[in-house]
Amino acid sequence: MTTIKELIGSRMVGAGQKAPGEVLDIPTGRHALWLIDGEAEWLAESAAPATVEPGEAVHKLTGPGTLQFLKGSHYAWFETWDELGFGPRAVLYRTLMESRNRGVGQALATGLPLGPNQIWVDIGTGTGAMVQALQEQAKGQGSIWILGIDRASRMIEEAWRHPSGDSPAWFVAQDLLSVNWPEDTFDGITALLFLHLVDDIDRLVGEIYRALKPGGLFAYAVSSDANPFVRMIMHQLARPGDFFKRGRRAILQSVVNAGFEVVRSESYRDEIILDNSEAMRELIGSIGGPASRGVRADITPPRSIERIFDLVWVQRPRIPEKVVTASIIAPKAL
């Protein structure tokens, strides 16, 4: 359960008052509602009616649906809820982690067949580290078009604040599972250290497959199962959680099941070296999911730690060329 205290630092997009019998239409996507007083009923298209009561709890509503007020109520409306807690830590995360993650992104972008006027999408873009890696890789190969998508709008704001590169880039704050993906449109899609966070990985990978052109590439980086950095983070958590929802094998299985063909894969290693253990604790505290569960003060983290990632490049199969066979028609007898 998320409480209003945990949303401190998130952006409130509206507040208001409703009389008994009034309604509030909720659009498609994930939303956060705090009912300050009164009572309401949540009527979703795909779920049974549910009572929304006042208090410190923040109600996570996945639309479309309608909120019907049973009593006079005051409410506050927040940006699309960020269950992983990246939003309030956007500035700190960009400061401490983006430059390190950009190295992983550059390794993932190396060798991508980028060309003039191609359209690439970076999902779970965060503060834009992978977008910048694509821009750097595209230099000298012609300008490409890049779209970065992330449901944490504060992260998107940070990405807009620090533009770089010659290729044009746009950033959109939206839940990827609510995106109306076009079919056969994009030349490539990337995902940098993101897929382990997705609730419905099969559905998302299926949408990615449809959105790519035949022959389009999906390049992603995920934590290795033996990543010392991840094991250290889990050791430091004050309370357990499901920050890493699945490992690399399960992710790869979803990708293959969707119809992708593996082009290549390789391991990427680097090391985080800081001045002292307290700096490492602060770095852990910048990462949404772990930070939202609290970082233990009674365990001293190391000041240096290795990171190991798996880089994977897969392709949507090309449409096989049709084989045209000529038929010989015998001349009619005269």
C-alpha atoms as a PDB file:
ATOM      1  CA  MET A   1       0.000   0.000   0.000  1.00  0.00           C
ATOM      2  CA  THR A   2       1.271   3.449  -0.937  1.00  0.00           C
ATOM      3  CA  THR A   3       0.580   6.327   1.464  1.00  0.00           C
ATOM      4  CA  ILE A   4       0.408  10.043   0.802  1.00  0.00           C
ATOM      5  CA  LYS A   5       3.696  10.492   2.679  1.00  0.00           C
ATOM      6  CA  GLU A   6       5.439   8.304   0.106  1.00  0.00           C
ATOM      7  CA  LEU A   7       4.215  10.591  -2.697  1.00  0.00           C
ATOM      8  CA  ILE A   8       6.025  13.623  -1.288  1.00  0.00           C
ATOM      9  CA  GLY A   9       8.046  14.991  -4.175  1.00  0.00           C
ATOM     10  CA  SER A  10       5.596  13.692  -6.795  1.00  0.00           C
ATOM     11  CA  ARG A  11       3.701  16.143  -8.959  1.00  0.00           C
ATOM     12  CA  MET A  12       0.081  16.876  -8.100  1.00  0.00           C
ATOM     13  CA  VAL A  13      -1.843  17.500 -11.300  1.00  0.00           C
ATOM     14  CA  GLY A  14      -5.129  18.568  -9.749  1.00  0.00           C
ATOM     15  CA  ALA A  15      -7.393  18.747  -6.713  1.00  0.00           C
ATOM     16  CA  GLY A  16     -11.070  19.398  -6.214  1.00  0.00           C
ATOM     17  CA  GLN A  17     -14.326  18.798  -4.421  1.00  0.00           C
ATOM     18  CA  LYS A  18     -17.276  16.654  -5.497  1.00  0.00           C
ATOM     19  CA  ALA A  19     -20.829  16.463  -4.176  1.00  0.00           C
ATOM     20  CA  PRO A  20     -22.670  13.178  -3.601  1.00  0.00           C
ATOM     21  CA  GLY A  21     -23.735  11.670  -6.918  1.00  0.00           C
ATOM     22  CA  GLU A  22     -21.095  13.470  -8.995  1.00  0.00           C
ATOM     23  CA  VAL A  23     -18.586  11.479 -11.027  1.00  0.00           C
ATOM     24  CA  LEU A  24     -15.022  11.785 -12.234  1.00  0.00           C
ATOM     25  CA  ASP A  25     -14.084  10.026 -15.478  1.00  0.00           C
ATOM     26  CA  ILE A  26     -10.710   8.306 -15.363  1.00  0.00           C
ATOM     27  CA  PRO A  27      -8.870   7.955 -18.704  1.00  0.00           C
ATOM     28  CA  THR A  28      -6.842   4.979 -19.874  1.00  0.00           C
ATOM     29  CA  GLY A  29      -3.644   4.397 -17.911  1.00  0.00           C
ATOM     30  CA  ARG A  30      -2.491   4.284 -14.299  1.00  0.00           C
ATOM     31  CA  HIS A  31      -3.365   7.068 -11.899  1.00  0.00           C
ATOM     32  CA  ALA A  32      -2.993   7.944  -8.219  1.00  0.00           C
ATOM     33  CA  LEU A  33      -5.905   9.377  -6.205  1.00  0.00           C
ATOM     34  CA  TRP A  34      -5.887  10.544  -2.597  1.00  0.00           C
ATOM     35  CA  LEU A  35      -9.375  10.822  -1.095  1.00  0.00           C
ATOM     36  CA  ILE A  36      -9.007  13.354   1.712  1.00  0.00           C
ATOM     37  CA  ASP A  37     -12.522  12.907   3.077  1.00  0.00           C
ATOM     38  CA  GLY A  38     -15.900  11.503   2.032  1.00  0.00           C
ATOM     39  CA  GLU A  39     -16.369   8.239   0.140  1.00  0.00           C
ATOM     40  CA  ALA A  40     -16.445   7.090  -3.484  1.00  0.00           C
ATOM     41  CA  GLU A  41     -16.908   3.980  -5.583  1.00  0.00           C
ATOM     42  CA  TRP A  42     -14.524   2.981  -8.353  1.00  0.00           C
ATOM     43  CA  LEU A  43     -16.256   1.560 -11.410  1.00  0.00           C
ATOM     44  CA  ALA A  44     -13.745   0.140 -13.874  1.00  0.00           C
ATOM     45  CA  GLU A  45     -14.557  -1.485 -17.192  1.00  0.00           C
ATOM     46  CA  SER A  46     -12.474  -4.562 -16.414  1.00  0.00           C
ATOM     47  CA  ALA A  47     -12.975  -5.054 -12.650  1.00  0.00           C
ATOM     48  CA  ALA A  48     -15.667  -5.361  -9.998  1.00  0.00           C
ATOM     49  CA  PRO A  49     -16.802  -2.139  -8.236  1.00  0.00           C
ATOM     50  CA  ALA A  50     -14.555  -1.145  -5.342  1.00  0.00           C
ATOM     51  CA  THR A  51     -15.058   1.277  -2.448  1.00  0.00           C
ATOM     52  CA  VAL A  52     -12.581   4.148  -2.200  1.00  0.00           C
ATOM     53  CA  GLU A  53     -12.266   5.379   1.376  1.00  0.00           C
ATOM     54  CA  PRO A  54     -10.483   8.436   2.797  1.00  0.00           C
ATOM     55  CA  GLY A  55      -7.242   8.262   4.755  1.00  0.00           C
ATOM     56  CA  GLU A  56      -3.516   8.226   4.166  1.00  0.00           C
ATOM     57  CA  ALA A  57      -3.711   5.457   1.552  1.00  0.00           C
ATOM     58  CA  VAL A  58      -3.249   6.478  -2.072  1.00  0.00           C
ATOM     59  CA  HIS A  59      -5.549   4.542  -4.381  1.00  0.00           C
ATOM     60  CA  LYS A  60      -4.040   3.223  -7.595  1.00  0.00           C
ATOM     61  CA  LEU A  61      -6.637   3.381 -10.333  1.00  0.00           C
ATOM     62  CA  THR A  62      -6.105   1.822 -13.741  1.00  0.00           C
ATOM     63  CA  GLY A  63      -8.487   3.348 -16.248  1.00  0.00           C
ATOM     64  CA  PRO A  64     -10.631   3.673 -18.136  1.00  0.00           C
ATOM     65  CA  GLY A  65     -13.342   3.876 -15.517  1.00  0.00           C
ATOM     66  CA  THR A  66     -15.503   6.192 -13.443  1.00  0.00           C
ATOM     67  CA  LEU A  67     -15.179   7.392  -9.870  1.00  0.00           C
ATOM     68  CA  GLN A  68     -18.664   7.928  -8.402  1.00  0.00           C
ATOM     69  CA  PHE A  69     -18.797   9.988  -5.203  1.00  0.00           C
ATOM     70  CA  LEU A  70     -21.107   8.589  -2.523  1.00  0.00           C
ATOM     71  CA  LYS A  71     -20.478  11.442  -0.065  1.00  0.00           C
ATOM     72  CA  GLY A  72     -19.195  14.978  -0.357  1.00  0.00           C
ATOM     73  CA  SER A  73     -15.464  14.568  -0.935  1.00  0.00           C
ATOM     74  CA  HIS A  74     -12.203  16.452  -1.355  1.00  0.00           C
ATOM     75  CA  TYR A  75      -9.566  14.727  -3.448  1.00  0.00           C
ATOM     76  CA  ALA A  76      -6.066  15.237  -4.851  1.00  0.00           C
ATOM     77  CA  TRP A  77      -4.887  13.850  -8.164  1.00  0.00           C
ATOM     78  CA  PHE A  78      -1.260  12.911  -8.813  1.00  0.00           C
ATOM     79  CA  GLU A  79       0.767  12.102 -11.869  1.00  0.00           C
ATOM     80  CA  THR A  80       0.593   8.562 -13.186  1.00  0.00           C
ATOM     81  CA  TRP A  81       1.645   6.576 -10.169  1.00  0.00           C
ATOM     82  CA  ASP A  82       5.258   5.561 -10.050  1.00  0.00           C
ATOM     83  CA  GLU A  83       5.192   2.366  -8.007  1.00  0.00           C
ATOM     84  CA  LEU A  84       8.962   1.982  -8.250  1.00  0.00           C
ATOM     85  CA  GLY A  85       9.628   5.398  -6.741  1.00  0.00           C
ATOM     86  CA  PHE A  86      11.892   6.802  -9.464  1.00  0.00           C
ATOM     87  CA  GLY A  87      10.007  10.099  -9.794  1.00  0.00           C
ATOM     88  CA  PRO A  88      10.922  11.727  -6.464  1.00  0.00           C
ATOM     89  CA  ARG A  89      14.559  10.689  -6.987  1.00  0.00           C
ATOM     90  CA  ALA A  90      14.884  11.819 -10.608  1.00  0.00           C
ATOM     91  CA  VAL A  91      17.501  14.526 -10.047  1.00  0.00           C
ATOM     92  CA  LEU A  92      19.592  12.376  -7.709  1.00  0.00           C
ATOM     93  CA  TYR A  93      19.358   9.403 -10.041  1.00  0.00           C
ATOM     94  CA  ARG A  94      20.520  11.441 -13.044  1.00  0.00           C
ATOM     95  CA  THR A  95      23.411  12.881 -11.032  1.00  0.00           C
ATOM     96  CA  LEU A  96      24.666   9.572  -9.631  1.00  0.00           C
ATOM     97  CA  MET A  97      23.671   6.920 -12.163  1.00  0.00           C
ATOM     98  CA  GLU A  98      23.135   8.351 -15.646  1.00  0.00           C
ATOM     99  CA  SER A  99      26.792   8.707 -16.637  1.00  0.00           C
ATOM    100  CA  ARG A 100      27.458   5.132 -15.446  1.00  0.00           C
ATOM    101  CA  ASN A 101      24.460   3.710 -17.272  1.00  0.00           C
ATOM    102  CA  ARG A 102      25.356   5.636 -20.406  1.00  0.00           C
ATOM    103  CA  GLY A 103      28.402   3.377 -20.719  1.00  0.00           C
ATOM    104  CA  VAL A 104      26.105   0.352 -20.852  1.00  0.00           C
ATOM    105  CA  GLY A 105      23.965   2.186 -23.410  1.00  0.00           C
ATOM    106  CA  GLN A 106      26.962   2.967 -25.589  1.00  0.00           C
ATOM    107  CA  ALA A 107      27.938  -0.705 -25.612  1.00  0.00           C
ATOM    108  CA  LEU A 108      24.355  -1.623 -26.580  1.00  0.00           C
ATOM    109  CA  ALA A 109      24.309   1.005 -29.360  1.00  0.00           C
ATOM    110  CA  THR A 110      27.655  -0.064 -30.825  1.00  0.00           C
ATOM    111  CA  GLY A 111      27.169  -1.695 -34.197  1.00  0.00           C
ATOM    112  CA  LEU A 112      23.493  -0.831 -34.566  1.00  0.00           C
ATOM    113  CA  PRO A 113      22.752  -0.229 -38.262  1.00  0.00           C
ATOM    114  CA  LEU A 114      21.551   3.336 -37.824  1.00  0.00           C
ATOM    115  CA  GLY A 115      20.727   5.300 -40.959  1.00  0.00           C
ATOM    116  CA  PRO A 116      19.236   8.623 -42.085  1.00  0.00           C
ATOM    117  CA  ASN A 117      15.604   9.248 -41.118  1.00  0.00           C
ATOM    118  CA  GLN A 118      15.207   6.004 -39.208  1.00  0.00           C
ATOM    119  CA  ILE A 119      12.787   6.063 -36.249  1.00  0.00           C
ATOM    120  CA  TRP A 120      13.953   4.547 -32.960  1.00  0.00           C
ATOM    121  CA  VAL A 121      12.097   4.258 -29.652  1.00  0.00           C
ATOM    122  CA  ASP A 122      13.736   3.901 -26.239  1.00  0.00           C
ATOM    123  CA  ILE A 123      11.365   2.372 -23.678  1.00  0.00           C
ATOM    124  CA  GLY A 124      11.775   2.954 -19.948  1.00  0.00           C
ATOM    125  CA  THR A 125      14.019   5.823 -21.014  1.00  0.00           C
ATOM    126  CA  GLY A 126      14.444   7.340 -17.532  1.00  0.00           C
ATOM    127  CA  THR A 127      16.579  10.468 -17.768  1.00  0.00           C
ATOM    128  CA  GLY A 128      17.658   9.675 -21.332  1.00  0.00           C
ATOM    129  CA  ALA A 129      20.974   7.801 -21.052  1.00  0.00           C
ATOM    130  CA  MET A 130      20.131   5.400 -23.898  1.00  0.00           C
ATOM    131  CA  VAL A 131      18.782   8.191 -26.089  1.00  0.00           C
ATOM    132  CA  GLN A 132      22.121   9.983 -25.772  1.00  0.00           C
ATOM    133  CA  ALA A 133      23.955   6.751 -26.634  1.00  0.00           C
ATOM    134  CA  LEU A 134      21.857   6.405 -29.804  1.00  0.00           C
ATOM    135  CA  GLN A 135      22.549  10.032 -30.718  1.00  0.00           C
ATOM    136  CA  GLU A 136      26.291   9.503 -30.331  1.00  0.00           C
ATOM    137  CA  GLN A 137      26.220   6.291 -32.355  1.00  0.00           C
ATOM    138  CA  ALA A 138      24.281   8.032 -35.152  1.00  0.00           C
ATOM    139  CA  LYS A 139      26.956  10.711 -35.668  1.00  0.00           C
ATOM    140  CA  GLY A 140      28.379  10.406 -39.142  1.00  0.00           C
ATOM    141  CA  GLN A 141      25.641   7.989 -40.198  1.00  0.00           C
ATOM    142  CA  GLY A 142      22.904  10.554 -40.758  1.00  0.00           C
ATOM    143  CA  SER A 143      20.372  11.973 -38.333  1.00  0.00           C
ATOM    144  CA  ILE A 144      17.819   9.565 -36.881  1.00  0.00           C
ATOM    145  CA  TRP A 145      14.577  10.312 -35.006  1.00  0.00           C
ATOM    146  CA  ILE A 146      14.321   9.121 -31.405  1.00  0.00           C
ATOM    147  CA  LEU A 147      11.362   8.869 -29.034  1.00  0.00           C
ATOM    148  CA  GLY A 148      11.933   8.171 -25.322  1.00  0.00           C
ATOM    149  CA  ILE A 149       9.002   6.872 -23.239  1.00  0.00           C
ATOM    150  CA  ASP A 150       8.771   6.439 -19.454  1.00  0.00           C
ATOM    151  CA  ARG A 151       5.837   6.487 -17.054  1.00  0.00           C
ATOM    152  CA  ALA A 152       7.792   8.462 -14.403  1.00  0.00           C
ATOM    153  CA  SER A 153       7.152  12.030 -15.572  1.00  0.00           C
ATOM    154  CA  ARG A 154       9.786  13.505 -13.263  1.00  0.00           C
ATOM    155  CA  MET A 155      12.405  11.384 -15.022  1.00  0.00           C
ATOM    156  CA  ILE A 156      11.095  12.620 -18.365  1.00  0.00           C
ATOM    157  CA  GLU A 157      11.401  16.218 -17.154  1.00  0.00           C
ATOM    158  CA  GLU A 158      15.063  15.576 -16.352  1.00  0.00           C
ATOM    159  CA  ALA A 159      15.600  14.114 -19.826  1.00  0.00           C
ATOM    160  CA  TRP A 160      14.150  17.271 -21.414  1.00  0.00           C
ATOM    161  CA  ARG A 161      16.387  19.467 -19.263  1.00  0.00           C
ATOM    162  CA  HIS A 162      19.610  17.890 -20.510  1.00  0.00           C
ATOM    163  CA  PRO A 163      19.392  17.518 -24.290  1.00  0.00           C
ATOM    164  CA  SER A 164      22.412  16.465 -26.320  1.00  0.00           C
ATOM    165  CA  GLY A 165      23.301  15.075 -29.718  1.00  0.00           C
ATOM    166  CA  ASP A 166      22.513  16.023 -33.276  1.00  0.00           C
ATOM    167  CA  SER A 167      19.626  13.615 -33.834  1.00  0.00           C
ATOM    168  CA  PRO A 168      16.253  15.033 -32.721  1.00  0.00           C
ATOM    169  CA  ALA A 169      14.739  13.406 -29.631  1.00  0.00           C
ATOM    170  CA  TRP A 170      11.347  13.713 -27.954  1.00  0.00           C
ATOM    171  CA  PHE A 171      10.357  12.425 -24.528  1.00  0.00           C
ATOM    172  CA  VAL A 172       6.871  11.277 -23.525  1.00  0.00           C
ATOM    173  CA  ALA A 173       5.566  10.452 -20.037  1.00  0.00           C
ATOM    174  CA  GLN A 174       3.237   7.479 -20.480  1.00  0.00           C
ATOM    175  CA  ASP A 175       2.728   3.966 -19.201  1.00  0.00           C
ATOM    176  CA  LEU A 176       4.085   1.681 -21.900  1.00  0.00           C
ATOM    177  CA  LEU A 177       1.250  -0.798 -21.415  1.00  0.00           C
ATOM    178  CA  SER A 178      -1.273   1.926 -22.286  1.00  0.00           C
ATOM    179  CA  VAL A 179       0.507   3.085 -25.458  1.00  0.00           C
ATOM    180  CA  ASN A 180      -1.462   2.570 -28.661  1.00  0.00           C
ATOM    181  CA  TRP A 181       1.475   1.141 -30.595  1.00  0.00           C
ATOM    182  CA  PRO A 182       1.392   1.515 -34.393  1.00  0.00           C
ATOM    183  CA  GLU A 183       2.118  -1.574 -36.467  1.00  0.00           C
ATOM    184  CA  ASP A 184       5.184  -2.102 -38.687  1.00  0.00           C
ATOM    185  CA  THR A 185       6.492   1.413 -37.986  1.00  0.00           C
ATOM    186  CA  PHE A 186       9.826   1.603 -36.138  1.00  0.00           C
ATOM    187  CA  ASP A 187      13.300   0.684 -37.346  1.00  0.00           C
ATOM    188  CA  GLY A 188      14.496  -0.147 -33.855  1.00  0.00           C
ATOM    189  CA  ILE A 189      13.516  -0.213 -30.175  1.00  0.00           C
ATOM    190  CA  THR A 190      15.883  -0.205 -27.203  1.00  0.00           C
ATOM    191  CA  ALA A 191      15.468  -0.970 -23.498  1.00  0.00           C
ATOM    192  CA  LEU A 192      18.311  -0.113 -21.131  1.00  0.00           C
ATOM    193  CA  LEU A 193      18.180  -1.849 -17.720  1.00  0.00           C
ATOM    194  CA  PHE A 194      14.394  -1.741 -17.748  1.00  0.00           C
ATOM    195  CA  LEU A 195      12.714  -5.032 -18.691  1.00  0.00           C
ATOM    196  CA  HIS A 196      13.152  -6.539 -15.200  1.00  0.00           C
ATOM    197  CA  LEU A 197      10.722  -3.859 -13.924  1.00  0.00           C
ATOM    198  CA  VAL A 198       7.801  -4.653 -16.247  1.00  0.00           C
ATOM    199  CA  ASP A 199       4.650  -6.228 -14.791  1.00  0.00           C
ATOM    200  CA  ASP A 200       3.366  -7.895 -17.986  1.00  0.00           C
ATOM    201  CA  ILE A 201       6.529  -8.651 -19.960  1.00  0.00           C
ATOM    202  CA  ASP A 202       4.812 -10.947 -22.496  1.00  0.00           C
ATOM    203  CA  ARG A 203       2.294  -8.291 -23.449  1.00  0.00           C
ATOM    204  CA  LEU A 204       4.914  -5.555 -23.780  1.00  0.00           C
ATOM    205  CA  VAL A 205       7.291  -7.664 -25.871  1.00  0.00           C
ATOM    206  CA  GLY A 206       4.381  -8.637 -28.125  1.00  0.00           C
ATOM    207  CA  GLU A 207       3.577  -4.949 -28.682  1.00  0.00           C
ATOM    208  CA  ILE A 208       7.243  -4.233 -29.443  1.00  0.00           C
ATOM    209  CA  TYR A 209       7.246  -7.014 -32.044  1.00  0.00           C
ATOM    210  CA  ARG A 210       4.165  -5.575 -33.777  1.00  0.00           C
ATOM    211  CA  ALA A 211       5.493  -2.020 -33.701  1.00  0.00           C
ATOM    212  CA  LEU A 212       8.784  -2.883 -35.413  1.00  0.00           C
ATOM    213  CA  LYS A 213       9.089  -3.088 -39.164  1.00  0.00           C
ATOM    214  CA  PRO A 214       9.904  -6.566 -40.495  1.00  0.00           C
ATOM    215  CA  GLY A 215      13.670  -6.774 -40.061  1.00  0.00           C
ATOM    216  CA  GLY A 216      13.582  -4.192 -37.256  1.00  0.00           C
ATOM    217  CA  LEU A 217      15.866  -4.607 -34.246  1.00  0.00           C
ATOM    218  CA  PHE A 218      15.118  -4.805 -30.534  1.00  0.00           C
ATOM    219  CA  ALA A 219      18.255  -4.218 -28.434  1.00  0.00           C
ATOM    220  CA  TYR A 220      18.119  -4.531 -24.664  1.00  0.00           C
ATOM    221  CA  ALA A 221      20.401  -4.712 -21.643  1.00  0.00           C
ATOM    222  CA  VAL A 222      19.432  -6.567 -18.461  1.00  0.00           C
ATOM    223  CA  SER A 223      21.205  -7.479 -15.262  1.00  0.00           C
ATOM    224  CA  SER A 224      23.093 -10.743 -15.269  1.00  0.00           C
ATOM    225  CA  ASP A 225      21.818 -13.317 -12.786  1.00  0.00           C
ATOM    226  CA  ALA A 226      25.229 -13.198 -11.108  1.00  0.00           C
ATOM    227  CA  ASN A 227      25.442  -9.403 -10.941  1.00  0.00           C
ATOM    228  CA  PRO A 228      27.339  -8.464  -7.716  1.00  0.00           C
ATOM    229  CA  PHE A 229      25.799  -4.973  -7.801  1.00  0.00           C
ATOM    230  CA  VAL A 230      22.254  -6.339  -7.638  1.00  0.00           C
ATOM    231  CA  ARG A 231      23.128  -8.807  -4.871  1.00  0.00           C
ATOM    232  CA  MET A 232      24.636  -5.963  -2.847  1.00  0.00           C
ATOM    233  CA  ILE A 233      21.502  -3.844  -3.296  1.00  0.00           C
ATOM    234  CA  MET A 234      19.241  -6.681  -2.144  1.00  0.00           C
ATOM    235  CA  HIS A 235      21.462  -7.168   0.904  1.00  0.00           C
ATOM    236  CA  GLN A 236      21.094  -3.490   1.801  1.00  0.00           C
ATOM    237  CA  LEU A 237      17.294  -3.283   1.582  1.00  0.00           C
ATOM    238  CA  ALA A 238      15.536  -2.467   4.835  1.00  0.00           C
ATOM    239  CA  ARG A 239      12.489  -4.472   3.756  1.00  0.00           C
ATOM    240  CA  PRO A 240      11.941  -7.001   0.955  1.00  0.00           C
ATOM    241  CA  GLY A 241      10.343  -6.201  -2.350  1.00  0.00           C
ATOM    242  CA  ASP A 242       9.894  -7.369  -5.930  1.00  0.00           C
ATOM    243  CA  PHE A 243      12.057  -4.735  -7.594  1.00  0.00           C
ATOM    244  CA  PHE A 244      13.546  -7.365  -9.923  1.00  0.00           C
ATOM    245  CA  LYS A 245      10.430  -9.105 -11.151  1.00  0.00           C
ATOM    246  CA  ARG A 246      12.268 -11.645 -13.335  1.00  0.00           C
ATOM    247  CA  GLY A 247      15.716 -12.737 -14.439  1.00  0.00           C
ATOM    248  CA  ARG A 248      17.376 -12.598 -17.840  1.00  0.00           C
ATOM    249  CA  ARG A 249      16.354 -16.141 -18.819  1.00  0.00           C
ATOM    250  CA  ALA A 250      12.650 -15.420 -18.332  1.00  0.00           C
ATOM    251  CA  ILE A 251      13.008 -12.174 -20.290  1.00  0.00           C
ATOM    252  CA  LEU A 252      14.767 -13.936 -23.164  1.00  0.00           C
ATOM    253  CA  GLN A 253      12.080 -16.621 -23.208  1.00  0.00           C
ATOM    254  CA  SER A 254       9.387 -13.952 -23.579  1.00  0.00           C
ATOM    255  CA  VAL A 255      11.330 -12.353 -26.409  1.00  0.00           C
ATOM    256  CA  VAL A 256      11.759 -15.641 -28.271  1.00  0.00           C
ATOM    257  CA  ASN A 257       8.117 -16.607 -27.691  1.00  0.00           C
ATOM    258  CA  ALA A 258       7.040 -13.334 -29.306  1.00  0.00           C
ATOM    259  CA  GLY A 259       8.762 -14.409 -32.538  1.00  0.00           C
ATOM    260  CA  PHE A 260      12.097 -12.584 -32.351  1.00  0.00           C
ATOM    261  CA  GLU A 261      15.307 -14.131 -33.649  1.00  0.00           C
ATOM    262  CA  VAL A 262      18.479 -13.647 -31.588  1.00  0.00           C
ATOM    263  CA  VAL A 263      21.160 -11.850 -33.611  1.00  0.00           C
ATOM    264  CA  ARG A 264      23.898 -11.736 -30.949  1.00  0.00           C
ATOM    265  CA  SER A 265      24.464 -11.417 -27.218  1.00  0.00           C
ATOM    266  CA  GLU A 266      27.420 -10.562 -25.032  1.00  0.00           C
ATOM    267  CA  SER A 267      28.346  -9.655 -21.478  1.00  0.00           C
ATOM    268  CA  TYR A 268      29.206  -6.148 -20.290  1.00  0.00           C
ATOM    269  CA  ARG A 269      31.203  -5.446 -17.132  1.00  0.00           C
ATOM    270  CA  ASP A 270      32.135  -2.280 -15.336  1.00  0.00           C
ATOM    271  CA  GLU A 271      32.910  -1.242 -11.769  1.00  0.00           C
ATOM    272  CA  ILE A 272      31.518   1.485  -9.543  1.00  0.00           C
ATOM    273  CA  ILE A 273      34.271   2.955  -7.346  1.00  0.00           C
ATOM    274  CA  LEU A 274      33.360   5.620  -4.788  1.00  0.00           C
ATOM    275  CA  ASP A 275      35.257   7.528  -2.104  1.00  0.00           C
ATOM    276  CA  ASN A 276      33.594   5.781   0.825  1.00  0.00           C
ATOM    277  CA  SER A 277      30.797   3.443   1.876  1.00  0.00           C
ATOM    278  CA  GLU A 278      28.423   6.293   2.676  1.00  0.00           C
ATOM    279  CA  ALA A 279      28.633   7.443  -0.947  1.00  0.00           C
ATOM    280  CA  MET A 280      27.645   3.914  -2.022  1.00  0.00           C
ATOM    281  CA  ARG A 281      24.678   4.026   0.355  1.00  0.00           C
ATOM    282  CA  GLU A 282      23.606   7.330  -1.217  1.00  0.00           C
ATOM    283  CA  LEU A 283      23.912   5.826  -4.684  1.00  0.00           C
ATOM    284  CA  ILE A 284      21.667   2.925  -3.703  1.00  0.00           C
ATOM    285  CA  GLY A 285      19.226   5.478  -2.310  1.00  0.00           C
ATOM    286  CA  SER A 286      18.955   7.109  -5.741  1.00  0.00           C
ATOM    287  CA  ILE A 287      17.515   3.962  -7.347  1.00  0.00           C
ATOM    288  CA  GLY A 288      13.737   4.028  -7.154  1.00  0.00           C
ATOM    289  CA  GLY A 289      12.639   0.559  -6.041  1.00  0.00           C
ATOM    290  CA  PRO A 290      15.376  -0.138  -3.499  1.00  0.00           C
ATOM    291  CA  ALA A 291      15.259   3.405  -2.130  1.00  0.00           C
ATOM    292  CA  SER A 292      11.487   3.231  -1.611  1.00  0.00           C
ATOM    293  CA  ARG A 293      12.031   0.159   0.589  1.00  0.00           C
ATOM    294  CA  GLY A 294      14.699   1.887   2.643  1.00  0.00           C
ATOM    295  CA  VAL A 295      18.457   1.322   2.813  1.00  0.00           C
ATOM    296  CA  ARG A 296      19.814  -0.350   5.936  1.00  0.00           C
ATOM    297  CA  ALA A 297      22.157   1.755   8.065  1.00  0.00           C
ATOM    298  CA  ASP A 298      23.432  -1.185  10.137  1.00  0.00           C
ATOM    299  CA  ILE A 299      25.142  -2.847   7.162  1.00  0.00           C
ATOM    300  CA  THR A 300      28.127  -1.110   5.606  1.00  0.00           C
ATOM    301  CA  PRO A 301      28.179  -1.412   1.799  1.00  0.00           C
ATOM    302  CA  PRO A 302      31.489  -1.694  -0.062  1.00  0.00           C
ATOM    303  CA  ARG A 303      32.959   1.410  -1.657  1.00  0.00           C
ATOM    304  CA  SER A 304      33.501  -0.438  -4.939  1.00  0.00           C
ATOM    305  CA  ILE A 305      31.418  -3.070  -6.687  1.00  0.00           C
ATOM    306  CA  GLU A 306      31.425  -4.813 -10.092  1.00  0.00           C
ATOM    307  CA  ARG A 307      28.366  -4.716 -12.346  1.00  0.00           C
ATOM    308  CA  ILE A 308      27.596  -7.409 -14.947  1.00  0.00           C
ATOM    309  CA  PHE A 309      24.956  -6.997 -17.638  1.00  0.00           C
ATOM    310  CA  ASP A 310      23.752  -9.089 -20.571  1.00  0.00           C
ATOM    311  CA  LEU A 311      23.399  -7.222 -23.857  1.00  0.00           C
ATOM    312  CA  VAL A 312      21.023  -8.836 -26.342  1.00  0.00           C
ATOM    313  CA  TRP A 313      20.168  -7.909 -29.933  1.00  0.00           C
ATOM    314  CA  VAL A 314      17.150  -9.577 -31.537  1.00  0.00           C
ATOM    315  CA  GLN A 315      15.360  -9.046 -34.821  1.00  0.00           C
ATOM    316  CA  ARG A 316      11.835  -9.310 -36.076  1.00  0.00           C
ATOM    317  CA  PRO A 317      12.142 -11.668 -39.058  1.00  0.00           C
ATOM    318  CA  ARG A 318      11.997 -10.100 -42.472  1.00  0.00           C
ATOM    319  CA  ILE A 319       9.090 -10.915 -44.766  1.00  0.00           C
ATOM    320  CA  PRO A 320      10.417 -13.548 -47.153  1.00  0.00           C
ATOM    321  CA  GLU A 321      10.491 -12.422 -50.755  1.00  0.00           C
ATOM    322  CA  LYS A 322       7.799 -13.979 -52.866  1.00  0.00           C
ATOM    323  CA  VAL A 323       9.094 -16.435 -55.429  1.00  0.00           C
ATOM    324  CA  VAL A 324       7.579 -15.698 -58.806  1.00  0.00           C
ATOM    325  CA  THR A 325       7.388 -18.689 -61.122  1.00  0.00           C
ATOM    326  CA  ALA A 326       6.804 -18.241 -64.817  1.00  0.00           C
ATOM    327  CA  SER A 327       4.395 -20.618 -66.467  1.00  0.00           C
ATOM    328  CA  ILE A 328       4.914 -21.647 -70.066  1.00  0.00           C
ATOM    329  CA  ILE A 329       1.734 -21.631 -72.085  1.00  0.00           C
ATOM    330  CA  ALA A 330       1.764 -23.899 -75.099  1.00  0.00           C
ATOM    331  CA  PRO A 331       0.741 -22.120 -78.290  1.00  0.00           C
ATOM    332  CA  LYS A 332      -2.653 -22.990 -79.586  1.00  0.00           C
ATOM    333  CA  ALA A 333      -2.702 -25.148 -82.595  1.00  0.00           C
ATOM    334  CA  LEU A 334      -3.395 -23.223 -85.745  1.00  0.00           C
END
